[in-house]
């Protein structure tokens, strides 16, 4: 039987390859707001954080215009971007295997929860997930630690020793450590190996197959 009884997944870069839809939505919003597209490496850093935070961190627009940019982003994303996306190969089989073994699964995502639910339903993840926590409409309450803690509290998860946070970014690893559960960093997503190694996760895996091995054989 799997060692972990409670698995909390990140969404973007862990369960699905959502890069194309997010980047296209951002470019659409930048065009509408007259913002020059940032370099590719900076565009990639948009994955996994609220657009509001991204715009502030990179000082791309006046604070008073952020809401307008977010509205453009969401317009494109709700119509097209959410579906310019695909599960990583092997993810559905992994979820099925964990479910068959009685593992409780959850999603903690900085994505606007409304859109996260659309994606989770669209790809058929919903039957496997016990709960999900995402950002609110204003992009607030989107810290991974806060969202992960919400899942733990809301579902009365007390067996922290047999619980794990899985994600592709440093904020996912920090969320696990801050809530006293194990962490698994995945390198097939959008985070760099160096970014994950710095956080000293319990495991680092390079593919969904390796992730399955860790979850099923520990």
N, C-alpha and C. Protein backbone atom coordinates (compact mmCIF):
# COMPACT_ATOMS: atom_id res chain seq x y z
N UNK A 1 0.84 -1.21 0.00
CA UNK A 1 0.00 0.00 0.00
C UNK A 1 0.88 1.26 0.00
N UNK A 2 0.42 2.34 -0.63
CA UNK A 2 1.20 3.59 -0.64
C UNK A 2 1.47 4.10 0.77
N UNK A 3 2.63 4.69 0.93
CA UNK A 3 3.01 5.27 2.22
C UNK A 3 2.16 6.50 2.54
N UNK A 4 1.93 7.34 1.51
CA UNK A 4 1.19 8.58 1.72
C UNK A 4 -0.31 8.33 1.62
N UNK A 5 -1.03 8.80 2.63
CA UNK A 5 -2.48 8.66 2.68
C UNK A 5 -3.19 9.92 2.20
N UNK A 6 -2.45 11.04 2.21
CA UNK A 6 -3.01 12.32 1.76
C UNK A 6 -2.00 12.96 0.81
N UNK A 7 -2.42 13.19 -0.43
CA UNK A 7 -1.55 13.79 -1.44
C UNK A 7 -2.16 15.11 -1.89
N UNK A 8 -1.41 16.19 -1.75
CA UNK A 8 -1.85 17.51 -2.19
C UNK A 8 -1.04 17.88 -3.44
N UNK A 9 -1.72 18.02 -4.56
CA UNK A 9 -1.07 18.34 -5.83
C UNK A 9 -1.17 19.83 -6.14
N UNK A 10 -0.11 20.37 -6.68
CA UNK A 10 -0.18 21.61 -7.43
C UNK A 10 -0.89 21.28 -8.74
N UNK A 11 -1.40 22.28 -9.46
CA UNK A 11 -2.10 22.03 -10.72
C UNK A 11 -1.22 22.31 -11.93
N UNK A 12 -0.92 23.59 -12.19
CA UNK A 12 -0.10 23.97 -13.34
C UNK A 12 1.33 23.48 -13.17
N UNK A 13 1.81 22.72 -14.15
CA UNK A 13 3.18 22.25 -14.09
C UNK A 13 3.37 20.98 -13.29
N UNK A 14 2.27 20.46 -12.75
CA UNK A 14 2.34 19.21 -11.98
C UNK A 14 1.34 18.20 -12.53
N UNK A 15 0.08 18.60 -12.63
CA UNK A 15 -0.93 17.73 -13.23
C UNK A 15 -1.11 18.05 -14.72
N UNK A 16 -1.05 19.34 -15.08
CA UNK A 16 -1.25 19.71 -16.49
C UNK A 16 -0.16 20.65 -16.98
N UNK A 17 0.09 20.55 -18.29
CA UNK A 17 1.00 21.47 -18.98
C UNK A 17 0.15 22.62 -19.50
N UNK A 18 0.07 23.67 -18.72
CA UNK A 18 -0.83 24.79 -19.00
C UNK A 18 -0.13 26.00 -19.59
N UNK A 19 1.14 25.83 -19.92
CA UNK A 19 1.96 26.98 -20.33
C UNK A 19 1.35 27.77 -21.49
N UNK A 20 0.95 27.07 -22.55
CA UNK A 20 0.50 27.77 -23.75
C UNK A 20 -0.68 28.69 -23.47
N UNK A 21 -1.68 28.18 -22.75
CA UNK A 21 -2.87 28.98 -22.48
C UNK A 21 -2.59 30.18 -21.60
N UNK A 22 -1.75 30.00 -20.59
CA UNK A 22 -1.42 31.11 -19.67
C UNK A 22 -0.62 32.18 -20.40
N UNK A 23 0.39 31.76 -21.16
CA UNK A 23 1.22 32.72 -21.89
C UNK A 23 0.39 33.47 -22.93
N UNK A 24 -0.47 32.75 -23.65
CA UNK A 24 -1.31 33.41 -24.67
C UNK A 24 -2.26 34.42 -24.03
N UNK A 25 -2.81 34.08 -22.88
CA UNK A 25 -3.71 35.00 -22.19
C UNK A 25 -2.95 36.24 -21.72
N UNK A 26 -1.73 36.03 -21.23
CA UNK A 26 -0.91 37.16 -20.78
C UNK A 26 -0.56 38.08 -21.95
N UNK A 27 -0.15 37.49 -23.06
CA UNK A 27 0.20 38.29 -24.24
C UNK A 27 -1.01 39.09 -24.73
N UNK A 28 -2.17 38.46 -24.70
CA UNK A 28 -3.41 39.16 -25.07
C UNK A 28 -3.64 40.36 -24.15
N UNK A 29 -3.48 40.14 -22.85
CA UNK A 29 -3.69 41.23 -21.89
C UNK A 29 -2.65 42.33 -22.07
N UNK A 30 -1.39 41.95 -22.32
CA UNK A 30 -0.34 42.96 -22.52
C UNK A 30 -0.64 43.81 -23.74
N UNK A 31 -1.10 43.17 -24.81
CA UNK A 31 -1.42 43.89 -26.03
C UNK A 31 -2.54 44.89 -25.78
N UNK A 32 -3.57 44.46 -25.06
CA UNK A 32 -4.70 45.33 -24.77
C UNK A 32 -4.28 46.52 -23.92
N UNK A 33 -3.28 46.32 -23.05
CA UNK A 33 -2.84 47.37 -22.13
C UNK A 33 -1.66 48.16 -22.68
N UNK A 34 -1.17 47.80 -23.88
CA UNK A 34 -0.04 48.51 -24.46
C UNK A 34 1.28 48.20 -23.78
N UNK A 35 1.40 47.00 -23.22
CA UNK A 35 2.62 46.59 -22.54
C UNK A 35 3.47 45.77 -23.50
N UNK A 36 4.75 46.09 -23.60
CA UNK A 36 5.67 45.31 -24.42
C UNK A 36 5.87 43.93 -23.79
N UNK A 37 5.82 42.87 -24.59
CA UNK A 37 5.99 41.53 -24.06
C UNK A 37 7.35 41.38 -23.36
N UNK A 38 7.36 40.87 -22.14
CA UNK A 38 8.63 40.62 -21.45
C UNK A 38 9.41 39.52 -22.16
N UNK A 39 10.71 39.38 -21.86
CA UNK A 39 11.49 38.27 -22.44
C UNK A 39 10.86 36.93 -22.07
N UNK A 40 11.17 35.91 -22.86
CA UNK A 40 10.58 34.59 -22.67
C UNK A 40 10.79 34.07 -21.25
N UNK A 41 12.00 34.23 -20.72
CA UNK A 41 12.26 33.70 -19.38
C UNK A 41 11.39 34.37 -18.32
N UNK A 42 11.07 35.64 -18.53
CA UNK A 42 10.19 36.33 -17.58
C UNK A 42 8.74 35.92 -17.78
N UNK A 43 8.36 35.64 -19.01
CA UNK A 43 7.01 35.15 -19.27
C UNK A 43 6.80 33.79 -18.60
N UNK A 44 7.82 32.95 -18.65
CA UNK A 44 7.72 31.63 -18.03
C UNK A 44 7.51 31.72 -16.53
N UNK A 45 8.05 32.76 -15.92
CA UNK A 45 7.91 32.90 -14.46
C UNK A 45 6.50 33.25 -14.04
N UNK A 46 5.64 33.55 -15.03
CA UNK A 46 4.23 33.84 -14.73
C UNK A 46 3.48 32.59 -14.27
N UNK A 47 3.95 31.42 -14.71
CA UNK A 47 3.25 30.18 -14.38
C UNK A 47 3.29 29.94 -12.87
N UNK A 48 2.11 29.77 -12.30
CA UNK A 48 2.04 29.39 -10.89
C UNK A 48 1.85 30.53 -9.91
N UNK A 49 1.83 31.78 -10.41
CA UNK A 49 1.55 32.90 -9.51
C UNK A 49 0.42 33.74 -10.09
N UNK A 50 -0.33 34.45 -9.24
CA UNK A 50 -1.40 35.31 -9.76
C UNK A 50 -0.84 36.40 -10.67
N UNK A 51 -1.58 36.75 -11.72
CA UNK A 51 -1.13 37.79 -12.65
C UNK A 51 -0.89 39.10 -11.90
N UNK A 52 -1.73 39.38 -10.90
CA UNK A 52 -1.55 40.61 -10.13
C UNK A 52 -0.14 40.69 -9.54
N UNK A 53 0.31 39.59 -8.97
CA UNK A 53 1.64 39.56 -8.36
C UNK A 53 2.73 39.69 -9.42
N UNK A 54 2.53 39.02 -10.54
CA UNK A 54 3.50 39.06 -11.63
C UNK A 54 3.69 40.50 -12.14
N UNK A 55 2.59 41.19 -12.33
CA UNK A 55 2.67 42.57 -12.83
C UNK A 55 3.38 43.49 -11.84
N UNK A 56 3.15 43.27 -10.55
CA UNK A 56 3.80 44.09 -9.53
C UNK A 56 5.28 43.77 -9.41
N UNK A 57 5.61 42.48 -9.39
CA UNK A 57 7.00 42.06 -9.24
C UNK A 57 7.86 42.61 -10.37
N UNK A 58 7.32 42.59 -11.58
CA UNK A 58 8.08 43.03 -12.75
C UNK A 58 7.85 44.49 -13.11
N UNK A 59 7.05 45.17 -12.27
CA UNK A 59 6.82 46.61 -12.45
C UNK A 59 6.41 46.94 -13.89
N UNK A 60 5.43 46.20 -14.39
CA UNK A 60 5.03 46.34 -15.79
C UNK A 60 3.92 47.36 -16.02
N UNK A 61 3.23 47.74 -14.94
CA UNK A 61 2.05 48.58 -15.13
C UNK A 61 1.74 49.30 -13.82
N UNK A 62 1.07 50.43 -13.92
CA UNK A 62 0.66 51.14 -12.72
C UNK A 62 -0.33 50.30 -11.92
N UNK A 63 -0.23 50.37 -10.61
CA UNK A 63 -1.13 49.58 -9.76
C UNK A 63 -2.60 49.84 -10.09
N UNK A 64 -2.90 51.07 -10.47
CA UNK A 64 -4.30 51.43 -10.75
C UNK A 64 -4.84 50.76 -12.01
N UNK A 65 -3.95 50.20 -12.84
CA UNK A 65 -4.37 49.56 -14.10
C UNK A 65 -4.34 48.04 -14.03
N UNK A 66 -3.90 47.51 -12.91
CA UNK A 66 -3.75 46.06 -12.79
C UNK A 66 -5.08 45.34 -12.97
N UNK A 67 -6.15 45.87 -12.38
CA UNK A 67 -7.45 45.21 -12.49
C UNK A 67 -7.90 45.10 -13.95
N UNK A 68 -7.62 46.13 -14.75
CA UNK A 68 -7.99 46.10 -16.17
C UNK A 68 -7.20 45.01 -16.89
N UNK A 69 -5.91 44.90 -16.60
CA UNK A 69 -5.07 43.88 -17.24
C UNK A 69 -5.56 42.48 -16.87
N UNK A 70 -5.92 42.30 -15.60
CA UNK A 70 -6.41 41.00 -15.15
C UNK A 70 -7.73 40.65 -15.85
N UNK A 71 -8.58 41.65 -16.05
CA UNK A 71 -9.86 41.41 -16.73
C UNK A 71 -9.62 40.93 -18.16
N UNK A 72 -8.66 41.53 -18.87
CA UNK A 72 -8.33 41.09 -20.23
C UNK A 72 -7.79 39.67 -20.22
N UNK A 73 -6.88 39.41 -19.27
CA UNK A 73 -6.31 38.06 -19.14
C UNK A 73 -7.41 37.04 -18.94
N UNK A 74 -8.32 37.32 -18.03
CA UNK A 74 -9.38 36.35 -17.71
C UNK A 74 -10.36 36.17 -18.86
N UNK A 75 -10.57 37.21 -19.62
CA UNK A 75 -11.48 37.10 -20.77
C UNK A 75 -10.92 36.08 -21.76
N UNK A 76 -9.63 36.22 -22.08
CA UNK A 76 -9.02 35.27 -23.01
C UNK A 76 -8.95 33.87 -22.39
N UNK A 77 -8.55 33.81 -21.14
CA UNK A 77 -8.32 32.51 -20.51
C UNK A 77 -9.61 31.71 -20.38
N UNK A 78 -10.71 32.41 -20.04
CA UNK A 78 -11.98 31.70 -19.85
C UNK A 78 -12.51 31.16 -21.17
N UNK A 79 -12.23 31.87 -22.28
CA UNK A 79 -12.75 31.46 -23.57
C UNK A 79 -11.85 30.47 -24.30
N UNK A 80 -10.52 30.65 -24.16
CA UNK A 80 -9.58 29.83 -24.93
C UNK A 80 -8.47 29.23 -24.07
N UNK A 81 -7.87 30.06 -23.25
CA UNK A 81 -6.63 29.67 -22.57
C UNK A 81 -6.74 28.45 -21.68
N UNK A 82 -7.87 28.31 -20.99
CA UNK A 82 -8.03 27.18 -20.08
C UNK A 82 -7.96 25.85 -20.82
N UNK A 83 -8.26 25.88 -22.12
CA UNK A 83 -8.30 24.65 -22.90
C UNK A 83 -7.06 24.47 -23.78
N UNK A 84 -6.17 25.48 -23.77
CA UNK A 84 -4.86 25.34 -24.42
C UNK A 84 -3.93 24.71 -23.38
N UNK A 85 -4.17 23.47 -23.09
CA UNK A 85 -3.69 22.85 -21.87
C UNK A 85 -3.85 21.34 -22.04
N UNK A 86 -3.05 20.55 -21.34
CA UNK A 86 -3.19 19.09 -21.43
C UNK A 86 -2.56 18.43 -20.21
N UNK A 87 -3.14 17.33 -19.74
CA UNK A 87 -2.52 16.60 -18.64
C UNK A 87 -1.20 16.00 -19.09
N UNK A 88 -0.25 15.94 -18.18
CA UNK A 88 1.01 15.27 -18.51
C UNK A 88 0.75 13.78 -18.73
N UNK A 89 1.45 13.16 -19.67
CA UNK A 89 1.27 11.73 -19.91
C UNK A 89 1.47 10.92 -18.63
N UNK A 90 0.52 10.05 -18.35
CA UNK A 90 0.61 9.20 -17.18
C UNK A 90 -0.12 9.71 -15.96
N UNK A 91 -0.55 10.97 -15.99
CA UNK A 91 -1.21 11.55 -14.81
C UNK A 91 -2.53 10.84 -14.50
N UNK A 92 -3.36 10.61 -15.51
CA UNK A 92 -4.65 9.97 -15.24
C UNK A 92 -4.46 8.58 -14.65
N UNK A 93 -3.49 7.85 -15.18
CA UNK A 93 -3.22 6.51 -14.65
C UNK A 93 -2.75 6.58 -13.20
N UNK A 94 -1.94 7.60 -12.88
CA UNK A 94 -1.46 7.77 -11.52
C UNK A 94 -2.62 8.07 -10.57
N UNK A 95 -3.51 8.97 -10.99
CA UNK A 95 -4.66 9.32 -10.15
C UNK A 95 -5.56 8.10 -9.94
N UNK A 96 -5.75 7.33 -10.98
CA UNK A 96 -6.57 6.13 -10.86
C UNK A 96 -5.95 5.13 -9.89
N UNK A 97 -4.64 4.97 -9.99
CA UNK A 97 -3.96 4.02 -9.11
C UNK A 97 -4.04 4.46 -7.66
N UNK A 98 -3.80 5.74 -7.42
CA UNK A 98 -3.86 6.24 -6.04
C UNK A 98 -5.29 6.11 -5.48
N UNK A 99 -6.26 6.42 -6.32
CA UNK A 99 -7.66 6.31 -5.89
C UNK A 99 -8.02 4.87 -5.55
N UNK A 100 -7.58 3.95 -6.39
CA UNK A 100 -7.86 2.53 -6.15
C UNK A 100 -7.22 2.03 -4.87
N UNK A 101 -6.14 2.69 -4.44
CA UNK A 101 -5.45 2.31 -3.22
C UNK A 101 -5.97 3.07 -1.99
N UNK A 102 -7.05 3.83 -2.17
CA UNK A 102 -7.67 4.51 -1.05
C UNK A 102 -6.99 5.78 -0.58
N UNK A 103 -6.14 6.36 -1.44
CA UNK A 103 -5.43 7.59 -1.08
C UNK A 103 -6.36 8.79 -1.28
N UNK A 104 -6.33 9.72 -0.33
CA UNK A 104 -7.09 10.97 -0.45
C UNK A 104 -6.25 11.98 -1.22
N UNK A 105 -6.85 12.61 -2.23
CA UNK A 105 -6.11 13.56 -3.07
C UNK A 105 -6.79 14.93 -3.10
N UNK A 106 -5.96 15.96 -3.23
CA UNK A 106 -6.41 17.34 -3.15
C UNK A 106 -5.59 18.18 -4.14
N UNK A 107 -6.07 19.39 -4.43
CA UNK A 107 -5.32 20.33 -5.27
C UNK A 107 -5.18 21.65 -4.54
N UNK A 108 -3.96 22.16 -4.52
CA UNK A 108 -3.66 23.48 -3.97
C UNK A 108 -3.04 24.30 -5.11
N UNK A 109 -3.75 25.33 -5.58
CA UNK A 109 -3.29 26.09 -6.75
C UNK A 109 -3.47 27.58 -6.55
N UNK A 110 -2.49 28.34 -7.03
CA UNK A 110 -2.58 29.79 -6.98
C UNK A 110 -3.47 30.33 -8.09
N UNK A 111 -3.93 29.45 -8.97
CA UNK A 111 -4.84 29.86 -10.04
C UNK A 111 -6.19 30.28 -9.45
N UNK A 112 -6.86 31.21 -10.10
CA UNK A 112 -8.21 31.61 -9.73
C UNK A 112 -9.05 30.34 -9.63
N UNK A 113 -9.65 30.10 -8.48
CA UNK A 113 -10.31 28.83 -8.22
C UNK A 113 -11.41 28.51 -9.23
N UNK A 114 -12.09 29.53 -9.70
CA UNK A 114 -13.16 29.33 -10.69
C UNK A 114 -12.61 28.64 -11.94
N UNK A 115 -11.45 29.09 -12.41
CA UNK A 115 -10.85 28.51 -13.61
C UNK A 115 -10.22 27.16 -13.31
N UNK A 116 -9.68 27.02 -12.13
CA UNK A 116 -9.11 25.73 -11.73
C UNK A 116 -10.18 24.65 -11.76
N UNK A 117 -11.37 24.98 -11.30
CA UNK A 117 -12.46 24.00 -11.30
C UNK A 117 -12.86 23.62 -12.72
N UNK A 118 -12.86 24.61 -13.63
CA UNK A 118 -13.18 24.32 -15.03
C UNK A 118 -12.19 23.31 -15.60
N UNK A 119 -10.90 23.52 -15.32
CA UNK A 119 -9.85 22.64 -15.84
C UNK A 119 -9.95 21.25 -15.21
N UNK A 120 -10.13 21.22 -13.90
CA UNK A 120 -10.23 19.94 -13.19
C UNK A 120 -11.41 19.12 -13.71
N UNK A 121 -12.53 19.79 -13.97
CA UNK A 121 -13.70 19.10 -14.52
C UNK A 121 -13.45 18.67 -15.97
N UNK A 122 -12.86 19.58 -16.75
CA UNK A 122 -12.64 19.32 -18.18
C UNK A 122 -11.78 18.08 -18.42
N UNK A 123 -10.75 17.91 -17.59
CA UNK A 123 -9.83 16.78 -17.79
C UNK A 123 -10.21 15.54 -16.99
N UNK A 124 -11.33 15.60 -16.29
CA UNK A 124 -11.80 14.42 -15.58
C UNK A 124 -11.07 14.13 -14.28
N UNK A 125 -10.46 15.17 -13.68
CA UNK A 125 -9.77 14.98 -12.40
C UNK A 125 -10.74 14.98 -11.21
N UNK A 126 -11.89 15.60 -11.38
CA UNK A 126 -12.80 15.84 -10.25
C UNK A 126 -13.14 14.58 -9.44
N UNK A 127 -13.44 13.44 -10.08
CA UNK A 127 -13.81 12.27 -9.28
C UNK A 127 -12.71 11.79 -8.34
N UNK A 128 -11.47 12.18 -8.62
CA UNK A 128 -10.35 11.72 -7.81
C UNK A 128 -10.04 12.66 -6.64
N UNK A 129 -10.54 13.91 -6.72
CA UNK A 129 -10.14 14.92 -5.77
C UNK A 129 -11.15 15.11 -4.64
N UNK A 130 -10.66 15.07 -3.43
CA UNK A 130 -11.52 15.26 -2.27
C UNK A 130 -11.81 16.74 -2.02
N UNK A 131 -10.84 17.59 -2.38
CA UNK A 131 -11.01 19.03 -2.12
C UNK A 131 -10.01 19.79 -2.98
N UNK A 132 -10.28 21.08 -3.17
CA UNK A 132 -9.37 21.95 -3.91
C UNK A 132 -9.42 23.35 -3.30
N UNK A 133 -8.27 24.00 -3.23
CA UNK A 133 -8.20 25.39 -2.76
C UNK A 133 -7.44 26.21 -3.79
N UNK A 134 -8.03 27.34 -4.19
CA UNK A 134 -7.39 28.23 -5.15
C UNK A 134 -7.58 29.68 -4.76
N UNK A 135 -7.03 30.57 -5.58
CA UNK A 135 -7.12 32.01 -5.30
C UNK A 135 -8.54 32.52 -5.50
N UNK A 136 -8.86 33.60 -4.80
CA UNK A 136 -10.17 34.22 -4.99
C UNK A 136 -10.12 35.18 -6.18
N UNK A 137 -11.23 35.82 -6.47
CA UNK A 137 -11.34 36.65 -7.67
C UNK A 137 -10.35 37.80 -7.68
N UNK A 138 -9.96 38.29 -6.51
CA UNK A 138 -9.05 39.42 -6.43
C UNK A 138 -7.58 38.99 -6.46
N UNK A 139 -7.35 37.67 -6.54
CA UNK A 139 -5.98 37.19 -6.53
C UNK A 139 -5.38 37.18 -5.13
N UNK A 140 -6.23 37.36 -4.13
CA UNK A 140 -5.77 37.36 -2.75
C UNK A 140 -5.88 35.94 -2.19
N UNK A 141 -5.33 35.76 -1.00
CA UNK A 141 -5.38 34.43 -0.36
C UNK A 141 -4.87 33.36 -1.33
N UNK A 142 -3.79 33.71 -2.06
CA UNK A 142 -3.26 32.80 -3.08
C UNK A 142 -1.90 32.24 -2.71
N UNK A 143 -1.43 32.52 -1.50
CA UNK A 143 -0.16 31.95 -1.09
C UNK A 143 -0.29 30.44 -0.97
N UNK A 144 0.69 29.71 -1.51
CA UNK A 144 0.61 28.25 -1.49
C UNK A 144 0.56 27.71 -0.07
N UNK A 145 1.29 28.34 0.82
CA UNK A 145 1.24 27.89 2.22
C UNK A 145 -0.16 28.06 2.78
N UNK A 146 -0.77 29.19 2.53
CA UNK A 146 -2.12 29.46 3.03
C UNK A 146 -3.14 28.48 2.44
N UNK A 147 -3.02 28.23 1.14
CA UNK A 147 -3.96 27.33 0.47
C UNK A 147 -3.79 25.89 0.95
N UNK A 148 -2.54 25.48 1.12
CA UNK A 148 -2.27 24.12 1.58
C UNK A 148 -2.73 23.93 3.02
N UNK A 149 -2.49 24.94 3.84
CA UNK A 149 -2.96 24.89 5.24
C UNK A 149 -4.48 24.82 5.29
N UNK A 150 -5.13 25.51 4.37
CA UNK A 150 -6.61 25.48 4.31
C UNK A 150 -7.10 24.07 4.03
N UNK A 151 -6.46 23.39 3.09
CA UNK A 151 -6.86 22.02 2.78
C UNK A 151 -6.67 21.11 3.98
N UNK A 152 -5.54 21.24 4.64
CA UNK A 152 -5.25 20.40 5.80
C UNK A 152 -6.27 20.63 6.90
N UNK A 153 -6.58 21.89 7.17
CA UNK A 153 -7.54 22.20 8.23
C UNK A 153 -8.95 21.80 7.85
N UNK A 154 -9.36 22.13 6.62
CA UNK A 154 -10.73 21.88 6.18
C UNK A 154 -11.06 20.39 6.13
N UNK A 155 -10.04 19.58 5.89
CA UNK A 155 -10.26 18.14 5.77
C UNK A 155 -9.79 17.37 7.00
N UNK A 156 -9.46 18.13 8.04
CA UNK A 156 -9.07 17.53 9.31
C UNK A 156 -7.97 16.48 9.13
N UNK A 157 -6.94 16.87 8.37
CA UNK A 157 -5.81 15.96 8.13
C UNK A 157 -4.86 16.07 9.33
N UNK A 158 -4.83 15.04 10.12
CA UNK A 158 -3.97 15.04 11.32
C UNK A 158 -2.76 14.12 11.16
N UNK A 159 -2.82 13.21 10.20
CA UNK A 159 -1.71 12.29 9.96
C UNK A 159 -0.70 12.95 9.01
N UNK A 160 0.01 13.95 9.53
CA UNK A 160 0.92 14.72 8.69
C UNK A 160 2.11 13.89 8.21
N UNK A 161 2.50 12.90 8.98
CA UNK A 161 3.63 12.05 8.61
C UNK A 161 3.37 11.33 7.29
N UNK A 162 2.12 11.03 7.02
CA UNK A 162 1.77 10.31 5.80
C UNK A 162 1.06 11.22 4.79
N UNK A 163 1.45 12.51 4.81
CA UNK A 163 0.89 13.50 3.88
C UNK A 163 2.02 14.14 3.09
N UNK A 164 1.73 14.58 1.87
CA UNK A 164 2.79 15.13 1.02
C UNK A 164 2.23 16.19 0.09
N UNK A 165 3.06 17.20 -0.18
CA UNK A 165 2.76 18.24 -1.17
C UNK A 165 3.63 17.99 -2.39
N UNK A 166 3.01 17.97 -3.58
CA UNK A 166 3.73 17.72 -4.83
C UNK A 166 3.60 18.92 -5.74
N UNK A 167 4.73 19.45 -6.22
CA UNK A 167 4.68 20.60 -7.10
C UNK A 167 5.98 20.82 -7.84
N UNK A 168 5.97 21.81 -8.74
CA UNK A 168 7.13 22.05 -9.59
C UNK A 168 7.89 23.33 -9.23
N UNK A 169 7.41 24.08 -8.25
CA UNK A 169 8.04 25.36 -7.93
C UNK A 169 8.48 25.40 -6.47
N UNK A 170 9.36 26.36 -6.18
CA UNK A 170 9.84 26.51 -4.81
C UNK A 170 8.70 26.81 -3.83
N UNK A 171 7.69 27.54 -4.28
CA UNK A 171 6.59 27.87 -3.38
C UNK A 171 5.79 26.63 -2.96
N UNK A 172 5.79 25.62 -3.81
CA UNK A 172 5.13 24.37 -3.45
C UNK A 172 5.91 23.65 -2.35
N UNK A 173 7.24 23.64 -2.50
CA UNK A 173 8.08 23.00 -1.49
C UNK A 173 7.99 23.76 -0.16
N UNK A 174 7.96 25.07 -0.24
CA UNK A 174 7.83 25.88 0.97
C UNK A 174 6.50 25.64 1.65
N UNK A 175 5.45 25.47 0.85
CA UNK A 175 4.11 25.20 1.42
C UNK A 175 4.11 23.91 2.20
N UNK A 176 4.76 22.88 1.64
CA UNK A 176 4.83 21.61 2.35
C UNK A 176 5.60 21.73 3.65
N UNK A 177 6.76 22.36 3.58
CA UNK A 177 7.58 22.50 4.79
C UNK A 177 6.87 23.35 5.85
N UNK A 178 6.20 24.40 5.40
CA UNK A 178 5.53 25.30 6.35
C UNK A 178 4.31 24.67 7.01
N UNK A 179 3.81 23.60 6.41
CA UNK A 179 2.66 22.90 7.00
C UNK A 179 3.06 21.54 7.57
N UNK A 180 4.38 21.32 7.65
CA UNK A 180 4.94 20.12 8.31
C UNK A 180 4.59 18.81 7.63
N UNK A 181 4.57 18.83 6.28
CA UNK A 181 4.37 17.59 5.54
C UNK A 181 5.53 17.39 4.57
N UNK A 182 5.69 16.17 4.05
CA UNK A 182 6.74 15.88 3.08
C UNK A 182 6.49 16.64 1.78
N UNK A 183 7.54 16.70 0.96
CA UNK A 183 7.45 17.40 -0.31
C UNK A 183 8.09 16.57 -1.42
N UNK A 184 7.50 16.66 -2.61
CA UNK A 184 8.08 16.04 -3.80
C UNK A 184 8.13 17.10 -4.89
N UNK A 185 9.33 17.43 -5.34
CA UNK A 185 9.50 18.38 -6.43
C UNK A 185 9.55 17.66 -7.76
N UNK A 186 8.82 18.15 -8.75
CA UNK A 186 8.82 17.54 -10.09
C UNK A 186 9.53 18.47 -11.06
N UNK A 187 10.47 17.92 -11.81
CA UNK A 187 11.24 18.75 -12.73
C UNK A 187 10.64 18.81 -14.12
N UNK A 188 9.58 18.03 -14.38
CA UNK A 188 8.97 18.04 -15.72
C UNK A 188 8.05 19.23 -15.91
N UNK A 189 7.84 20.03 -14.86
CA UNK A 189 6.97 21.20 -14.95
C UNK A 189 7.72 22.46 -15.33
N UNK A 190 7.45 23.56 -14.63
CA UNK A 190 7.99 24.85 -15.02
C UNK A 190 9.09 25.37 -14.09
N UNK A 191 9.36 24.64 -13.02
CA UNK A 191 10.41 25.07 -12.10
C UNK A 191 11.76 24.47 -12.48
N UNK A 192 12.84 25.16 -12.13
CA UNK A 192 14.18 24.66 -12.44
C UNK A 192 14.65 23.73 -11.33
N UNK A 193 15.56 22.81 -11.69
CA UNK A 193 16.13 21.89 -10.72
C UNK A 193 16.78 22.66 -9.56
N UNK A 194 17.51 23.71 -9.90
CA UNK A 194 18.20 24.49 -8.86
C UNK A 194 17.19 25.11 -7.88
N UNK A 195 16.07 25.54 -8.42
CA UNK A 195 15.01 26.14 -7.60
C UNK A 195 14.47 25.12 -6.60
N UNK A 196 14.27 23.90 -7.07
CA UNK A 196 13.75 22.85 -6.20
C UNK A 196 14.80 22.39 -5.20
N UNK A 197 16.03 22.17 -5.66
CA UNK A 197 17.09 21.68 -4.79
C UNK A 197 17.34 22.62 -3.62
N UNK A 198 17.20 23.90 -3.87
CA UNK A 198 17.42 24.90 -2.82
C UNK A 198 16.48 24.68 -1.64
N UNK A 199 15.29 24.16 -1.90
CA UNK A 199 14.30 23.97 -0.85
C UNK A 199 14.42 22.61 -0.15
N UNK A 200 15.35 21.77 -0.64
CA UNK A 200 15.60 20.46 -0.02
C UNK A 200 14.32 19.64 0.20
N UNK A 201 13.62 19.34 -0.90
CA UNK A 201 12.40 18.52 -0.77
C UNK A 201 12.73 17.10 -0.34
N UNK A 202 11.72 16.38 0.10
CA UNK A 202 11.90 14.99 0.50
C UNK A 202 12.37 14.16 -0.69
N UNK A 203 11.81 14.43 -1.87
CA UNK A 203 12.19 13.76 -3.11
C UNK A 203 12.16 14.77 -4.25
N UNK A 204 12.97 14.50 -5.28
CA UNK A 204 12.86 15.19 -6.56
C UNK A 204 12.70 14.11 -7.63
N UNK A 205 11.71 14.27 -8.51
CA UNK A 205 11.49 13.30 -9.59
C UNK A 205 11.49 14.01 -10.93
N UNK A 206 11.85 13.26 -11.97
CA UNK A 206 12.01 13.87 -13.29
C UNK A 206 10.90 13.51 -14.26
N UNK A 207 9.97 12.68 -13.83
CA UNK A 207 8.89 12.27 -14.73
C UNK A 207 7.70 11.78 -13.90
N UNK A 208 6.55 11.66 -14.56
CA UNK A 208 5.37 11.12 -13.88
C UNK A 208 5.63 9.67 -13.48
N UNK A 209 6.37 8.94 -14.30
CA UNK A 209 6.69 7.54 -13.97
C UNK A 209 7.50 7.47 -12.67
N UNK A 210 8.48 8.37 -12.51
CA UNK A 210 9.27 8.40 -11.27
C UNK A 210 8.40 8.80 -10.08
N UNK A 211 7.49 9.73 -10.32
CA UNK A 211 6.58 10.15 -9.26
C UNK A 211 5.73 8.97 -8.81
N UNK A 212 5.24 8.21 -9.76
CA UNK A 212 4.44 7.03 -9.45
C UNK A 212 5.24 6.03 -8.63
N UNK A 213 6.51 5.85 -9.00
CA UNK A 213 7.37 4.92 -8.27
C UNK A 213 7.51 5.33 -6.79
N UNK A 214 7.72 6.63 -6.57
CA UNK A 214 7.88 7.13 -5.20
C UNK A 214 6.59 6.95 -4.42
N UNK A 215 5.47 7.30 -5.02
CA UNK A 215 4.19 7.23 -4.30
C UNK A 215 3.74 5.80 -4.07
N UNK A 216 4.08 4.92 -4.97
CA UNK A 216 3.58 3.54 -4.87
C UNK A 216 4.52 2.59 -4.15
N UNK A 217 5.79 2.96 -4.05
CA UNK A 217 6.77 2.00 -3.51
C UNK A 217 7.42 2.44 -2.21
N UNK A 218 7.12 3.66 -1.74
CA UNK A 218 7.81 4.13 -0.54
C UNK A 218 7.45 3.25 0.65
